[in-house]
Every structure is written in C-alpha cells, then in structure tokens.
Amino acid sequence: MKYRIQPIGKEFSDKAVKALEDKLNAAHEKGYKFHSVMEVSQPGCAGFGAPSITYLAIFEQEHEPSTYT
C-alpha cells in the first residue's frame, strides 16, 4: 500500500472548493482513494511567528494503476 498526503488549507471559498474537487479527482485518476483528513499545526516561517493550522488530505493506493489498455 502506498500513501499520498496533500495540504488542502483551512478556509474554502467557492473557488477553493472547486480546486479541492479537482485535486481529489486527479488523485483518483492516479489510482488513489481518499482515506481521511487530519488537522496539523505548522510552525511560522523559519520558526518565527505564530503557528498556523491547516488540514492534510490522506490518500491510499493499494495497487499501481495499470499502464495497459
């Protein structure tokens, strides 16, 4: 099994929701299934500043997609 993790941000405008949909579809086309979302805290730039909270989408791929048609 292989995993892929993508940051998806925290705030979603209508445009951002469409972009997330496109990311999910692109991952699916590469053989990944959506697994879960987790919230993480990222430190500020170079360790300075307040940390920010973002979300990570986790995908799993059980098998490599076939290159044969």
PDB file of N, CA and C in Angstrom:
ATOM      1  N   MET A   1       0.845  -1.168   0.000  1.00  0.00           N
ATOM      2  CA  MET A   1       0.000   0.000   0.000  1.00  0.00           C
ATOM      3  C   MET A   1       0.893   1.235   0.000  1.00  0.00           C
ATOM      4  N   LYS A   2       0.470   2.258  -0.705  1.00  0.00           N
ATOM      5  CA  LYS A   2       1.232   3.494  -0.832  1.00  0.00           C
ATOM      6  C   LYS A   2       0.326   4.655  -0.425  1.00  0.00           C
ATOM      7  N   TYR A   3       0.873   5.642   0.277  1.00  0.00           N
ATOM      8  CA  TYR A   3       0.082   6.789   0.724  1.00  0.00           C
ATOM      9  C   TYR A   3       0.564   8.062   0.047  1.00  0.00           C
ATOM     10  N   ARG A   4      -0.339   9.011  -0.063  1.00  0.00           N
ATOM     11  CA  ARG A   4      -0.031  10.329  -0.616  1.00  0.00           C
ATOM     12  C   ARG A   4      -0.705  11.337   0.304  1.00  0.00           C
ATOM     13  N   ILE A   5       0.014  12.396   0.670  1.00  0.00           N
ATOM     14  CA  ILE A   5      -0.535  13.411   1.565  1.00  0.00           C
ATOM     15  C   ILE A   5      -0.432  14.767   0.876  1.00  0.00           C
ATOM     16  N   GLN A   6      -1.545  15.520   0.899  1.00  0.00           N
ATOM     17  CA  GLN A   6      -1.589  16.830   0.270  1.00  0.00           C
ATOM     18  C   GLN A   6      -2.169  17.845   1.239  1.00  0.00           C
ATOM     19  N   PRO A   7      -1.526  19.002   1.385  1.00  0.00           N
ATOM     20  CA  PRO A   7      -2.148  20.056   2.185  1.00  0.00           C
ATOM     21  C   PRO A   7      -3.353  20.610   1.422  1.00  0.00           C
ATOM     22  N   ILE A   8      -4.452  20.833   2.133  1.00  0.00           N
ATOM     23  CA  ILE A   8      -5.651  21.338   1.467  1.00  0.00           C
ATOM     24  C   ILE A   8      -6.123  22.665   2.051  1.00  0.00           C
ATOM     25  N   GLY A   9      -5.371  23.229   2.987  1.00  0.00           N
ATOM     26  CA  GLY A   9      -5.724  24.532   3.543  1.00  0.00           C
ATOM     27  C   GLY A   9      -6.745  24.447   4.657  1.00  0.00           C
ATOM     28  N   LYS A  10      -7.254  25.618   5.014  1.00  0.00           N
ATOM     29  CA  LYS A  10      -8.177  25.695   6.134  1.00  0.00           C
ATOM     30  C   LYS A  10      -9.459  26.426   5.765  1.00  0.00           C
ATOM     31  N   GLU A  11      -9.367  27.425   4.916  1.00  0.00           N
ATOM     32  CA  GLU A  11     -10.536  28.212   4.550  1.00  0.00           C
ATOM     33  C   GLU A  11     -10.893  27.936   3.104  1.00  0.00           C
ATOM     34  N   PHE A  12     -12.177  27.821   2.819  1.00  0.00           N
ATOM     35  CA  PHE A  12     -12.602  27.425   1.488  1.00  0.00           C
ATOM     36  C   PHE A  12     -13.629  28.383   0.897  1.00  0.00           C
ATOM     37  N   SER A  13     -13.198  29.127  -0.098  1.00  0.00           N
ATOM     38  CA  SER A  13     -14.131  29.905  -0.908  1.00  0.00           C
ATOM     39  C   SER A  13     -14.737  28.946  -1.925  1.00  0.00           C
ATOM     40  N   ASP A  14     -15.689  29.416  -2.712  1.00  0.00           N
ATOM     41  CA  ASP A  14     -16.264  28.563  -3.755  1.00  0.00           C
ATOM     42  C   ASP A  14     -15.180  28.105  -4.723  1.00  0.00           C
ATOM     43  N   LYS A  15     -14.244  28.998  -5.039  1.00  0.00           N
ATOM     44  CA  LYS A  15     -13.142  28.655  -5.952  1.00  0.00           C
ATOM     45  C   LYS A  15     -12.238  27.592  -5.330  1.00  0.00           C
ATOM     46  N   ALA A  16     -11.978  27.704  -4.033  1.00  0.00           N
ATOM     47  CA  ALA A  16     -11.122  26.737  -3.345  1.00  0.00           C
ATOM     48  C   ALA A  16     -11.790  25.368  -3.254  1.00  0.00           C
ATOM     49  N   VAL A  17     -13.105  25.334  -3.098  1.00  0.00           N
ATOM     50  CA  VAL A  17     -13.823  24.060  -3.054  1.00  0.00           C
ATOM     51  C   VAL A  17     -13.686  23.358  -4.400  1.00  0.00           C
ATOM     52  N   LYS A  18     -13.813  24.114  -5.497  1.00  0.00           N
ATOM     53  CA  LYS A  18     -13.657  23.545  -6.833  1.00  0.00           C
ATOM     54  C   LYS A  18     -12.225  23.029  -7.019  1.00  0.00           C
ATOM     55  N   ALA A  19     -11.232  23.775  -6.534  1.00  0.00           N
ATOM     56  CA  ALA A  19      -9.834  23.341  -6.644  1.00  0.00           C
ATOM     57  C   ALA A  19      -9.609  22.049  -5.864  1.00  0.00           C
ATOM     58  N   LEU A  20     -10.223  21.927  -4.691  1.00  0.00           N
ATOM     59  CA  LEU A  20     -10.113  20.703  -3.900  1.00  0.00           C
ATOM     60  C   LEU A  20     -10.758  19.533  -4.634  1.00  0.00           C
ATOM     61  N   GLU A  21     -11.900  19.770  -5.230  1.00  0.00           N
ATOM     62  CA  GLU A  21     -12.562  18.733  -6.022  1.00  0.00           C
ATOM     63  C   GLU A  21     -11.645  18.258  -7.153  1.00  0.00           C
ATOM     64  N   ASP A  22     -10.988  19.199  -7.817  1.00  0.00           N
ATOM     65  CA  ASP A  22     -10.056  18.851  -8.894  1.00  0.00           C
ATOM     66  C   ASP A  22      -8.883  18.016  -8.372  1.00  0.00           C
ATOM     67  N   LYS A  23      -8.360  18.361  -7.178  1.00  0.00           N
ATOM     68  CA  LYS A  23      -7.261  17.589  -6.573  1.00  0.00           C
ATOM     69  C   LYS A  23      -7.706  16.158  -6.263  1.00  0.00           C
ATOM     70  N   LEU A  24      -8.916  16.033  -5.707  1.00  0.00           N
ATOM     71  CA  LEU A  24      -9.427  14.696  -5.376  1.00  0.00           C
ATOM     72  C   LEU A  24      -9.611  13.863  -6.637  1.00  0.00           C
ATOM     73  N   ASN A  25     -10.142  14.462  -7.694  1.00  0.00           N
ATOM     74  CA  ASN A  25     -10.330  13.745  -8.955  1.00  0.00           C
ATOM     75  C   ASN A  25      -8.994  13.356  -9.581  1.00  0.00           C
ATOM     76  N   ALA A  26      -8.010  14.248  -9.518  1.00  0.00           N
ATOM     77  CA  ALA A  26      -6.688  13.944 -10.076  1.00  0.00           C
ATOM     78  C   ALA A  26      -6.037  12.785  -9.320  1.00  0.00           C
ATOM     79  N   ALA A  27      -6.169  12.769  -8.000  1.00  0.00           N
ATOM     80  CA  ALA A  27      -5.608  11.672  -7.207  1.00  0.00           C
ATOM     81  C   ALA A  27      -6.308  10.361  -7.558  1.00  0.00           C
ATOM     82  N   HIS A  28      -7.614  10.406  -7.740  1.00  0.00           N
ATOM     83  CA  HIS A  28      -8.371   9.205  -8.097  1.00  0.00           C
ATOM     84  C   HIS A  28      -7.912   8.653  -9.448  1.00  0.00           C
ATOM     85  N   GLU A  29      -7.652   9.540 -10.396  1.00  0.00           N
ATOM     86  CA  GLU A  29      -7.194   9.112 -11.723  1.00  0.00           C
ATOM     87  C   GLU A  29      -5.833   8.412 -11.655  1.00  0.00           C
ATOM     88  N   LYS A  30      -5.060   8.694 -10.612  1.00  0.00           N
ATOM     89  CA  LYS A  30      -3.753   8.052 -10.432  1.00  0.00           C
ATOM     90  C   LYS A  30      -3.859   6.805  -9.554  1.00  0.00           C
ATOM     91  N   GLY A  31      -5.091   6.385  -9.266  1.00  0.00           N
ATOM     92  CA  GLY A  31      -5.286   5.150  -8.504  1.00  0.00           C
ATOM     93  C   GLY A  31      -5.381   5.327  -7.004  1.00  0.00           C
ATOM     94  N   TYR A  32      -5.474   6.566  -6.522  1.00  0.00           N
ATOM     95  CA  TYR A  32      -5.572   6.809  -5.083  1.00  0.00           C
ATOM     96  C   TYR A  32      -7.026   6.936  -4.657  1.00  0.00           C
ATOM     97  N   LYS A  33      -7.318   6.434  -3.457  1.00  0.00           N
ATOM     98  CA  LYS A  33      -8.630   6.592  -2.844  1.00  0.00           C
ATOM     99  C   LYS A  33      -8.464   7.535  -1.660  1.00  0.00           C
ATOM    100  N   PHE A  34      -9.453   8.407  -1.469  1.00  0.00           N
ATOM    101  CA  PHE A  34      -9.440   9.288  -0.313  1.00  0.00           C
ATOM    102  C   PHE A  34      -9.517   8.441   0.947  1.00  0.00           C
ATOM    103  N   HIS A  35      -8.673   8.731   1.911  1.00  0.00           N
ATOM    104  CA  HIS A  35      -8.638   7.970   3.161  1.00  0.00           C
ATOM    105  C   HIS A  35      -9.184   8.797   4.323  1.00  0.00           C
ATOM    106  N   SER A  36      -8.605   9.967   4.567  1.00  0.00           N
ATOM    107  CA  SER A  36      -9.037  10.779   5.699  1.00  0.00           C
ATOM    108  C   SER A  36      -8.421  12.177   5.613  1.00  0.00           C
ATOM    109  N   VAL A  37      -8.816  13.015   6.568  1.00  0.00           N
ATOM    110  CA  VAL A  37      -8.255  14.361   6.699  1.00  0.00           C
ATOM    111  C   VAL A  37      -7.760  14.500   8.125  1.00  0.00           C
ATOM    112  N   MET A  38      -6.607  15.136   8.288  1.00  0.00           N
ATOM    113  CA  MET A  38      -6.126  15.397   9.638  1.00  0.00           C
ATOM    114  C   MET A  38      -5.719  16.862   9.776  1.00  0.00           C
ATOM    115  N   GLU A  39      -5.943  17.402  10.954  1.00  0.00           N
ATOM    116  CA  GLU A  39      -5.580  18.785  11.251  1.00  0.00           C
ATOM    117  C   GLU A  39      -4.169  18.799  11.823  1.00  0.00           C
ATOM    118  N   VAL A  40      -3.333  19.711  11.316  1.00  0.00           N
ATOM    119  CA  VAL A  40      -1.965  19.825  11.817  1.00  0.00           C
ATOM    120  C   VAL A  40      -1.632  21.291  12.066  1.00  0.00           C
ATOM    121  N   SER A  41      -0.665  21.506  12.916  1.00  0.00           N
ATOM    122  CA  SER A  41      -0.157  22.840  13.195  1.00  0.00           C
ATOM    123  C   SER A  41       1.217  22.960  12.546  1.00  0.00           C
ATOM    124  N   GLN A  42       1.394  24.000  11.746  1.00  0.00           N
ATOM    125  CA  GLN A  42       2.677  24.216  11.091  1.00  0.00           C
ATOM    126  C   GLN A  42       3.343  25.436  11.711  1.00  0.00           C
ATOM    127  N   PRO A  43       4.648  25.352  11.996  1.00  0.00           N
ATOM    128  CA  PRO A  43       5.335  26.494  12.592  1.00  0.00           C
ATOM    129  C   PRO A  43       5.388  27.670  11.625  1.00  0.00           C
ATOM    130  N   GLY A  44       5.597  28.850  12.173  1.00  0.00           N
ATOM    131  CA  GLY A  44       5.741  30.040  11.331  1.00  0.00           C
ATOM    132  C   GLY A  44       7.004  29.941  10.488  1.00  0.00           C
ATOM    133  N   CYS A  45       7.165  30.866   9.576  1.00  0.00           N
ATOM    134  CA  CYS A  45       8.314  30.891   8.669  1.00  0.00           C
ATOM    135  C   CYS A  45       9.622  30.924   9.452  1.00  0.00           C
ATOM    136  N   ALA A  46      10.515  29.998   9.166  1.00  0.00           N
ATOM    137  CA  ALA A  46      11.823  29.892   9.821  1.00  0.00           C
ATOM    138  C   ALA A  46      11.690  29.761  11.334  1.00  0.00           C
ATOM    139  N   GLY A  47      10.558  29.245  11.799  1.00  0.00           N
ATOM    140  CA  GLY A  47      10.364  29.050  13.232  1.00  0.00           C
ATOM    141  C   GLY A  47       9.889  30.285  13.966  1.00  0.00           C
ATOM    142  N   PHE A  48       9.718  31.403  13.251  1.00  0.00           N
ATOM    143  CA  PHE A  48       9.250  32.642  13.874  1.00  0.00           C
ATOM    144  C   PHE A  48       7.774  32.837  13.568  1.00  0.00           C
ATOM    145  N   GLY A  49       7.107  33.606  14.376  1.00  0.00           N
ATOM    146  CA  GLY A  49       5.703  33.889  14.141  1.00  0.00           C
ATOM    147  C   GLY A  49       4.808  32.812  14.714  1.00  0.00           C
ATOM    148  N   ALA A  50       3.551  33.101  14.679  1.00  0.00           N
ATOM    149  CA  ALA A  50       2.572  32.173  15.237  1.00  0.00           C
ATOM    150  C   ALA A  50       2.395  30.979  14.310  1.00  0.00           C
ATOM    151  N   PRO A  51       2.250  29.811  14.886  1.00  0.00           N
ATOM    152  CA  PRO A  51       1.973  28.641  14.044  1.00  0.00           C
ATOM    153  C   PRO A  51       0.591  28.767  13.418  1.00  0.00           C
ATOM    154  N   SER A  52       0.412  28.117  12.297  1.00  0.00           N
ATOM    155  CA  SER A  52      -0.888  28.121  11.639  1.00  0.00           C
ATOM    156  C   SER A  52      -1.438  26.703  11.604  1.00  0.00           C
ATOM    157  N   ILE A  53      -2.750  26.622  11.526  1.00  0.00           N
ATOM    158  CA  ILE A  53      -3.404  25.319  11.447  1.00  0.00           C
ATOM    159  C   ILE A  53      -3.835  25.099  10.007  1.00  0.00           C
ATOM    160  N   THR A  54      -3.576  23.923   9.502  1.00  0.00           N
ATOM    161  CA  THR A  54      -4.013  23.551   8.163  1.00  0.00           C
ATOM    162  C   THR A  54      -4.511  22.110   8.195  1.00  0.00           C
ATOM    163  N   TYR A  55      -5.007  21.656   7.102  1.00  0.00           N
ATOM    164  CA  TYR A  55      -5.524  20.296   7.006  1.00  0.00           C
ATOM    165  C   TYR A  55      -4.791  19.541   5.919  1.00  0.00           C
ATOM    166  N   LEU A  56      -4.567  18.268   6.151  1.00  0.00           N
ATOM    167  CA  LEU A  56      -3.913  17.400   5.180  1.00  0.00           C
ATOM    168  C   LEU A  56      -4.897  16.326   4.737  1.00  0.00           C
ATOM    169  N   ALA A  57      -5.015  16.144   3.429  1.00  0.00           N
ATOM    170  CA  ALA A  57      -5.827  15.057   2.881  1.00  0.00           C
ATOM    171  C   ALA A  57      -4.910  13.862   2.695  1.00  0.00           C
ATOM    172  N   ILE A  58      -5.350  12.709   3.132  1.00  0.00           N
ATOM    173  CA  ILE A  58      -4.563  11.486   3.036  1.00  0.00           C
ATOM    174  C   ILE A  58      -5.255  10.547   2.054  1.00  0.00           C
ATOM    175  N   PHE A  59      -4.479  10.077   1.099  1.00  0.00           N
ATOM    176  CA  PHE A  59      -4.976   9.164   0.074  1.00  0.00           C
ATOM    177  C   PHE A  59      -4.208   7.864   0.189  1.00  0.00           C
ATOM    178  N   GLU A  60      -4.844   6.758  -0.191  1.00  0.00           N
ATOM    179  CA  GLU A  60      -4.143   5.481  -0.211  1.00  0.00           C
ATOM    180  C   GLU A  60      -4.254   4.869  -1.597  1.00  0.00           C
ATOM    181  N   GLN A  61      -3.224   4.155  -1.972  1.00  0.00           N
ATOM    182  CA  GLN A  61      -3.186   3.466  -3.259  1.00  0.00           C
ATOM    183  C   GLN A  61      -2.776   2.027  -2.986  1.00  0.00           C
ATOM    184  N   GLU A  62      -3.678   1.104  -3.234  1.00  0.00           N
ATOM    185  CA  GLU A  62      -3.380  -0.302  -2.977  1.00  0.00           C
ATOM    186  C   GLU A  62      -2.524  -0.896  -4.075  1.00  0.00           C
ATOM    187  N   HIS A  63      -2.772  -0.493  -5.311  1.00  0.00           N
ATOM    188  CA  HIS A  63      -2.040  -1.031  -6.458  1.00  0.00           C
ATOM    189  C   HIS A  63      -1.721   0.102  -7.413  1.00  0.00           C
ATOM    190  N   GLU A  64      -0.597   0.002  -8.068  1.00  0.00           N
ATOM    191  CA  GLU A  64      -0.247   0.969  -9.104  1.00  0.00           C
ATOM    192  C   GLU A  64      -1.270   0.857 -10.227  1.00  0.00           C
ATOM    193  N   PRO A  65      -1.706   1.990 -10.821  1.00  0.00           N
ATOM    194  CA  PRO A  65      -2.638   1.885 -11.934  1.00  0.00           C
ATOM    195  C   PRO A  65      -1.987   1.174 -13.118  1.00  0.00           C
ATOM    196  N   SER A  66      -2.768   0.397 -13.817  1.00  0.00           N
ATOM    197  CA  SER A  66      -2.273  -0.348 -14.965  1.00  0.00           C
ATOM    198  C   SER A  66      -1.949   0.584 -16.117  1.00  0.00           C
ATOM    199  N   THR A  67      -0.838   0.336 -16.788  1.00  0.00           N
ATOM    200  CA  THR A  67      -0.482   1.139 -17.956  1.00  0.00           C
ATOM    201  C   THR A  67      -0.954   0.471 -19.226  1.00  0.00           C
ATOM    202  N   TYR A  68      -1.585  -0.685 -19.082  1.00  0.00           N
ATOM    203  CA  TYR A  68      -2.108  -1.412 -20.245  1.00  0.00           C
ATOM    204  C   TYR A  68      -3.548  -1.016 -20.493  1.00  0.00           C
ATOM    205  N   THR A  69      -3.964  -0.954 -21.738  1.00  0.00           N
ATOM    206  CA  THR A  69      -5.346  -0.615 -22.063  1.00  0.00           C
ATOM    207  C   THR A  69      -6.055  -1.792 -22.670  1.00  0.00           C
TER     208      THR A  69
END
